[in-house]
Amino acid sequence: MSRLRKDVSETNDLLKSIGAGVNLNMSDVVEKQVREMLTRFKSEIQKMASQSVKSGQQAADGLKPAVSQIQTLLTTTQRLAADGTLTETRKGYDALGRSITEVYKNGQ
């Protein structure tokens, strides 16, 4: 940092010697650089937030058909359960399972 101060001091002396009437103030330069950096950072964060919103909306749009299919499956299952078809189907599978088990045992 002392090297930077020396350079600034030498630059100020040079500016005075040529009658520029300008005094180089490093705190102003640093402040300007920090402000520019923060402005770019803010802009990048806003871009990323916008991209995240778009990605979220695309994901939600992609899930809409699946939600519709799940709703249809639930509705159909509820109807089958209400009229007893689902219970009869389960009983049929249970009977088939018992038959397969008996055939397997007899085969041994």
N, C-alpha and C. Protein backbone atom coordinates (compact mmCIF):
# COMPACT_ATOMS: atom_id res chain seq x y z
N MET A 1 0.83 -1.18 0.00
CA MET A 1 0.00 0.00 0.00
C MET A 1 0.88 1.24 0.00
N SER A 2 2.04 1.18 0.66
CA SER A 2 2.91 2.35 0.71
C SER A 2 3.44 2.68 -0.69
N ARG A 3 3.66 1.66 -1.50
CA ARG A 3 4.10 1.88 -2.88
C ARG A 3 3.03 2.65 -3.65
N LEU A 4 1.75 2.28 -3.44
CA LEU A 4 0.64 2.96 -4.10
C LEU A 4 0.58 4.42 -3.67
N ARG A 5 0.76 4.68 -2.38
CA ARG A 5 0.75 6.06 -1.87
C ARG A 5 1.88 6.88 -2.50
N LYS A 6 3.04 6.23 -2.61
CA LYS A 6 4.19 6.91 -3.20
C LYS A 6 3.89 7.25 -4.66
N ASP A 7 3.29 6.29 -5.39
CA ASP A 7 2.94 6.54 -6.80
C ASP A 7 1.92 7.66 -6.92
N VAL A 8 0.94 7.67 -6.03
CA VAL A 8 -0.08 8.73 -6.05
C VAL A 8 0.57 10.07 -5.76
N SER A 9 1.45 10.09 -4.77
CA SER A 9 2.14 11.33 -4.41
C SER A 9 2.98 11.83 -5.58
N GLU A 10 3.70 10.93 -6.23
CA GLU A 10 4.52 11.32 -7.39
C GLU A 10 3.63 11.83 -8.52
N THR A 11 2.50 11.17 -8.74
CA THR A 11 1.57 11.60 -9.78
C THR A 11 1.02 12.99 -9.47
N ASN A 12 0.66 13.22 -8.21
CA ASN A 12 0.16 14.55 -7.80
C ASN A 12 1.23 15.62 -8.01
N ASP A 13 2.47 15.29 -7.64
CA ASP A 13 3.57 16.25 -7.84
C ASP A 13 3.74 16.57 -9.32
N LEU A 14 3.66 15.55 -10.15
CA LEU A 14 3.80 15.74 -11.60
C LEU A 14 2.66 16.61 -12.13
N LEU A 15 1.43 16.34 -11.67
CA LEU A 15 0.28 17.13 -12.11
C LEU A 15 0.43 18.59 -11.70
N LYS A 16 0.94 18.83 -10.49
CA LYS A 16 1.17 20.21 -10.02
C LYS A 16 2.23 20.89 -10.86
N SER A 17 3.28 20.15 -11.20
CA SER A 17 4.40 20.75 -11.94
C SER A 17 4.00 21.20 -13.34
N ILE A 18 2.99 20.53 -13.92
CA ILE A 18 2.57 20.94 -15.26
C ILE A 18 1.39 21.90 -15.20
N GLY A 19 1.01 22.27 -13.98
CA GLY A 19 -0.06 23.24 -13.82
C GLY A 19 -1.43 22.68 -14.14
N ALA A 20 -1.60 21.39 -13.94
CA ALA A 20 -2.87 20.75 -14.27
C ALA A 20 -3.97 21.14 -13.30
N GLY A 21 -3.62 21.51 -12.10
CA GLY A 21 -4.62 21.88 -11.11
C GLY A 21 -5.49 20.72 -10.69
N VAL A 22 -4.98 19.51 -10.87
CA VAL A 22 -5.73 18.30 -10.51
C VAL A 22 -4.96 17.58 -9.43
N ASN A 23 -5.68 17.10 -8.46
CA ASN A 23 -5.05 16.32 -7.40
C ASN A 23 -5.68 14.93 -7.42
N LEU A 24 -4.87 13.95 -7.68
CA LEU A 24 -5.37 12.57 -7.77
C LEU A 24 -5.69 12.06 -6.37
N ASN A 25 -6.94 11.72 -6.16
CA ASN A 25 -7.39 11.23 -4.86
C ASN A 25 -7.76 9.76 -5.04
N MET A 26 -6.99 8.88 -4.44
CA MET A 26 -7.21 7.45 -4.64
C MET A 26 -8.52 6.98 -4.03
N SER A 27 -8.98 7.62 -2.97
CA SER A 27 -10.24 7.17 -2.37
C SER A 27 -11.39 7.37 -3.35
N ASP A 28 -11.35 8.44 -4.15
CA ASP A 28 -12.38 8.67 -5.17
C ASP A 28 -12.32 7.60 -6.25
N VAL A 29 -11.09 7.26 -6.66
CA VAL A 29 -10.91 6.25 -7.69
C VAL A 29 -11.41 4.90 -7.20
N VAL A 30 -11.02 4.55 -5.99
CA VAL A 30 -11.44 3.27 -5.42
C VAL A 30 -12.96 3.25 -5.24
N GLU A 31 -13.51 4.35 -4.75
CA GLU A 31 -14.96 4.42 -4.55
C GLU A 31 -15.69 4.22 -5.87
N LYS A 32 -15.19 4.85 -6.93
CA LYS A 32 -15.81 4.71 -8.24
C LYS A 32 -15.74 3.26 -8.72
N GLN A 33 -14.60 2.63 -8.54
CA GLN A 33 -14.44 1.23 -8.96
C GLN A 33 -15.38 0.32 -8.17
N VAL A 34 -15.50 0.55 -6.87
CA VAL A 34 -16.38 -0.25 -6.04
C VAL A 34 -17.84 -0.06 -6.46
N ARG A 35 -18.22 1.19 -6.73
CA ARG A 35 -19.59 1.47 -7.19
C ARG A 35 -19.88 0.75 -8.50
N GLU A 36 -18.94 0.81 -9.44
CA GLU A 36 -19.12 0.14 -10.73
C GLU A 36 -19.24 -1.38 -10.53
N MET A 37 -18.41 -1.92 -9.66
CA MET A 37 -18.43 -3.36 -9.39
C MET A 37 -19.78 -3.75 -8.77
N LEU A 38 -20.27 -2.97 -7.81
CA LEU A 38 -21.55 -3.27 -7.17
C LEU A 38 -22.71 -3.14 -8.16
N THR A 39 -22.62 -2.17 -9.06
CA THR A 39 -23.66 -2.00 -10.07
C THR A 39 -23.70 -3.22 -10.99
N ARG A 40 -22.52 -3.69 -11.43
CA ARG A 40 -22.46 -4.90 -12.27
C ARG A 40 -22.99 -6.11 -11.51
N PHE A 41 -22.61 -6.21 -10.24
CA PHE A 41 -23.06 -7.32 -9.39
C PHE A 41 -24.58 -7.33 -9.26
N LYS A 42 -25.15 -6.16 -9.03
CA LYS A 42 -26.61 -6.03 -8.92
C LYS A 42 -27.28 -6.45 -10.22
N SER A 43 -26.72 -6.02 -11.33
CA SER A 43 -27.27 -6.37 -12.64
C SER A 43 -27.23 -7.88 -12.86
N GLU A 44 -26.13 -8.52 -12.50
CA GLU A 44 -26.00 -9.97 -12.67
C GLU A 44 -27.00 -10.72 -11.79
N ILE A 45 -27.20 -10.24 -10.56
CA ILE A 45 -28.16 -10.88 -9.66
C ILE A 45 -29.57 -10.76 -10.23
N GLN A 46 -29.89 -9.59 -10.78
CA GLN A 46 -31.22 -9.40 -11.37
C GLN A 46 -31.41 -10.32 -12.57
N LYS A 47 -30.38 -10.49 -13.40
CA LYS A 47 -30.46 -11.40 -14.54
C LYS A 47 -30.69 -12.84 -14.07
N MET A 48 -29.92 -13.26 -13.04
CA MET A 48 -30.06 -14.62 -12.53
C MET A 48 -31.45 -14.84 -11.95
N ALA A 49 -31.98 -13.85 -11.24
CA ALA A 49 -33.32 -13.98 -10.66
C ALA A 49 -34.36 -14.12 -11.77
N SER A 50 -34.20 -13.35 -12.82
CA SER A 50 -35.13 -13.42 -13.95
C SER A 50 -35.05 -14.80 -14.60
N GLN A 51 -33.85 -15.32 -14.78
CA GLN A 51 -33.66 -16.65 -15.37
C GLN A 51 -34.30 -17.72 -14.48
N SER A 52 -34.16 -17.57 -13.16
CA SER A 52 -34.73 -18.55 -12.22
C SER A 52 -36.25 -18.57 -12.31
N VAL A 53 -36.85 -17.39 -12.44
CA VAL A 53 -38.31 -17.31 -12.57
C VAL A 53 -38.75 -18.00 -13.85
N LYS A 54 -38.04 -17.73 -14.96
CA LYS A 54 -38.38 -18.36 -16.23
C LYS A 54 -38.24 -19.88 -16.14
N SER A 55 -37.16 -20.35 -15.52
CA SER A 55 -36.95 -21.80 -15.39
C SER A 55 -38.04 -22.43 -14.54
N GLY A 56 -38.42 -21.75 -13.47
CA GLY A 56 -39.50 -22.26 -12.62
C GLY A 56 -40.81 -22.35 -13.36
N GLN A 57 -41.10 -21.33 -14.17
CA GLN A 57 -42.34 -21.35 -14.95
C GLN A 57 -42.32 -22.48 -15.98
N GLN A 58 -41.17 -22.70 -16.62
CA GLN A 58 -41.06 -23.78 -17.59
C GLN A 58 -41.24 -25.14 -16.91
N ALA A 59 -40.67 -25.31 -15.72
CA ALA A 59 -40.83 -26.56 -14.99
C ALA A 59 -42.29 -26.78 -14.61
N ALA A 60 -42.95 -25.73 -14.17
CA ALA A 60 -44.37 -25.83 -13.80
C ALA A 60 -45.22 -26.19 -15.02
N ASP A 61 -44.91 -25.55 -16.15
CA ASP A 61 -45.64 -25.86 -17.39
C ASP A 61 -45.42 -27.32 -17.79
N GLY A 62 -44.22 -27.83 -17.59
CA GLY A 62 -43.91 -29.22 -17.91
C GLY A 62 -44.65 -30.20 -17.02
N LEU A 63 -44.96 -29.79 -15.80
CA LEU A 63 -45.65 -30.68 -14.86
C LEU A 63 -47.16 -30.71 -15.06
N LYS A 64 -47.70 -29.74 -15.77
CA LYS A 64 -49.15 -29.67 -15.94
C LYS A 64 -49.74 -30.95 -16.54
N PRO A 65 -49.15 -31.52 -17.61
CA PRO A 65 -49.72 -32.77 -18.14
C PRO A 65 -49.68 -33.91 -17.12
N ALA A 66 -48.61 -33.99 -16.34
CA ALA A 66 -48.50 -35.04 -15.33
C ALA A 66 -49.57 -34.86 -14.27
N VAL A 67 -49.81 -33.63 -13.86
CA VAL A 67 -50.85 -33.36 -12.86
C VAL A 67 -52.21 -33.79 -13.40
N SER A 68 -52.44 -33.48 -14.66
CA SER A 68 -53.71 -33.87 -15.30
C SER A 68 -53.86 -35.39 -15.33
N GLN A 69 -52.79 -36.08 -15.66
CA GLN A 69 -52.84 -37.56 -15.72
C GLN A 69 -53.04 -38.15 -14.33
N ILE A 70 -52.39 -37.59 -13.34
CA ILE A 70 -52.57 -38.09 -11.97
C ILE A 70 -54.00 -37.87 -11.51
N GLN A 71 -54.57 -36.71 -11.84
CA GLN A 71 -55.95 -36.43 -11.47
C GLN A 71 -56.90 -37.42 -12.13
N THR A 72 -56.64 -37.72 -13.41
CA THR A 72 -57.47 -38.71 -14.12
C THR A 72 -57.35 -40.08 -13.47
N LEU A 73 -56.15 -40.48 -13.11
CA LEU A 73 -55.94 -41.77 -12.46
C LEU A 73 -56.66 -41.83 -11.12
N LEU A 74 -56.57 -40.75 -10.34
CA LEU A 74 -57.27 -40.73 -9.05
C LEU A 74 -58.78 -40.82 -9.24
N THR A 75 -59.30 -40.07 -10.18
CA THR A 75 -60.74 -40.09 -10.43
C THR A 75 -61.19 -41.48 -10.84
N THR A 76 -60.43 -42.10 -11.75
CA THR A 76 -60.78 -43.45 -12.21
C THR A 76 -60.70 -44.44 -11.06
N THR A 77 -59.67 -44.35 -10.26
CA THR A 77 -59.51 -45.26 -9.12
C THR A 77 -60.66 -45.09 -8.13
N GLN A 78 -61.05 -43.85 -7.89
CA GLN A 78 -62.17 -43.59 -6.97
C GLN A 78 -63.46 -44.19 -7.51
N ARG A 79 -63.69 -44.07 -8.82
CA ARG A 79 -64.89 -44.66 -9.43
C ARG A 79 -64.87 -46.17 -9.31
N LEU A 80 -63.72 -46.78 -9.61
CA LEU A 80 -63.60 -48.24 -9.52
C LEU A 80 -63.81 -48.71 -8.09
N ALA A 81 -63.29 -47.97 -7.14
CA ALA A 81 -63.46 -48.35 -5.74
C ALA A 81 -64.92 -48.18 -5.32
N ALA A 82 -65.57 -47.14 -5.84
CA ALA A 82 -66.96 -46.88 -5.46
C ALA A 82 -67.90 -47.96 -5.98
N ASP A 83 -67.67 -48.45 -7.19
CA ASP A 83 -68.61 -49.45 -7.73
C ASP A 83 -68.15 -50.88 -7.46
N GLY A 84 -67.04 -51.07 -6.74
CA GLY A 84 -66.61 -52.41 -6.34
C GLY A 84 -65.72 -53.10 -7.35
N THR A 85 -65.51 -52.50 -8.50
CA THR A 85 -64.68 -53.14 -9.53
C THR A 85 -63.26 -53.38 -9.03
N LEU A 86 -62.72 -52.42 -8.32
CA LEU A 86 -61.35 -52.53 -7.81
C LEU A 86 -61.24 -53.69 -6.83
N THR A 87 -62.23 -53.84 -5.98
CA THR A 87 -62.22 -54.93 -5.00
C THR A 87 -62.29 -56.28 -5.71
N GLU A 88 -63.16 -56.38 -6.73
CA GLU A 88 -63.27 -57.63 -7.48
C GLU A 88 -61.97 -57.95 -8.20
N THR A 89 -61.33 -56.92 -8.74
CA THR A 89 -60.05 -57.12 -9.43
C THR A 89 -59.00 -57.64 -8.46
N ARG A 90 -58.97 -57.07 -7.26
CA ARG A 90 -58.00 -57.51 -6.26
C ARG A 90 -58.27 -58.96 -5.87
N LYS A 91 -59.54 -59.30 -5.69
CA LYS A 91 -59.89 -60.68 -5.35
C LYS A 91 -59.46 -61.63 -6.45
N GLY A 92 -59.61 -61.21 -7.70
CA GLY A 92 -59.18 -62.03 -8.83
C GLY A 92 -57.68 -62.26 -8.82
N TYR A 93 -56.92 -61.20 -8.52
CA TYR A 93 -55.46 -61.36 -8.44
C TYR A 93 -55.07 -62.26 -7.27
N ASP A 94 -55.78 -62.15 -6.16
CA ASP A 94 -55.49 -63.01 -5.01
C ASP A 94 -55.74 -64.47 -5.37
N ALA A 95 -56.87 -64.74 -6.06
CA ALA A 95 -57.19 -66.11 -6.48
C ALA A 95 -56.15 -66.63 -7.45
N LEU A 96 -55.72 -65.80 -8.38
CA LEU A 96 -54.69 -66.19 -9.34
C LEU A 96 -53.39 -66.51 -8.60
N GLY A 97 -53.05 -65.70 -7.62
CA GLY A 97 -51.84 -65.95 -6.83
C GLY A 97 -51.91 -67.27 -6.08
N ARG A 98 -53.07 -67.57 -5.52
CA ARG A 98 -53.23 -68.85 -4.82
C ARG A 98 -53.10 -70.02 -5.80
N SER A 99 -53.68 -69.87 -6.99
CA SER A 99 -53.59 -70.94 -8.00
C SER A 99 -52.15 -71.17 -8.41
N ILE A 100 -51.41 -70.11 -8.63
CA ILE A 100 -50.01 -70.24 -9.02
C ILE A 100 -49.22 -70.92 -7.91
N THR A 101 -49.52 -70.55 -6.67
CA THR A 101 -48.83 -71.16 -5.54
C THR A 101 -49.12 -72.66 -5.48
N GLU A 102 -50.39 -73.04 -5.68
CA GLU A 102 -50.76 -74.47 -5.66
C GLU A 102 -50.08 -75.23 -6.78
N VAL A 103 -50.05 -74.65 -7.97
CA VAL A 103 -49.38 -75.31 -9.10
C VAL A 103 -47.91 -75.48 -8.80
N TYR A 104 -47.29 -74.48 -8.22
CA TYR A 104 -45.87 -74.54 -7.89
C TYR A 104 -45.61 -75.66 -6.87
N LYS A 105 -46.47 -75.71 -5.83
CA LYS A 105 -46.32 -76.74 -4.79
C LYS A 105 -46.52 -78.13 -5.38
N ASN A 106 -47.53 -78.27 -6.23
CA ASN A 106 -47.78 -79.58 -6.84
C ASN A 106 -46.64 -79.98 -7.78
N GLY A 107 -46.02 -78.99 -8.37
CA GLY A 107 -44.91 -79.29 -9.28
C GLY A 107 -43.66 -79.77 -8.54
N GLN A 108 -43.55 -79.42 -7.31
CA GLN A 108 -42.38 -79.85 -6.54
C GLN A 108 -42.57 -81.28 -6.16
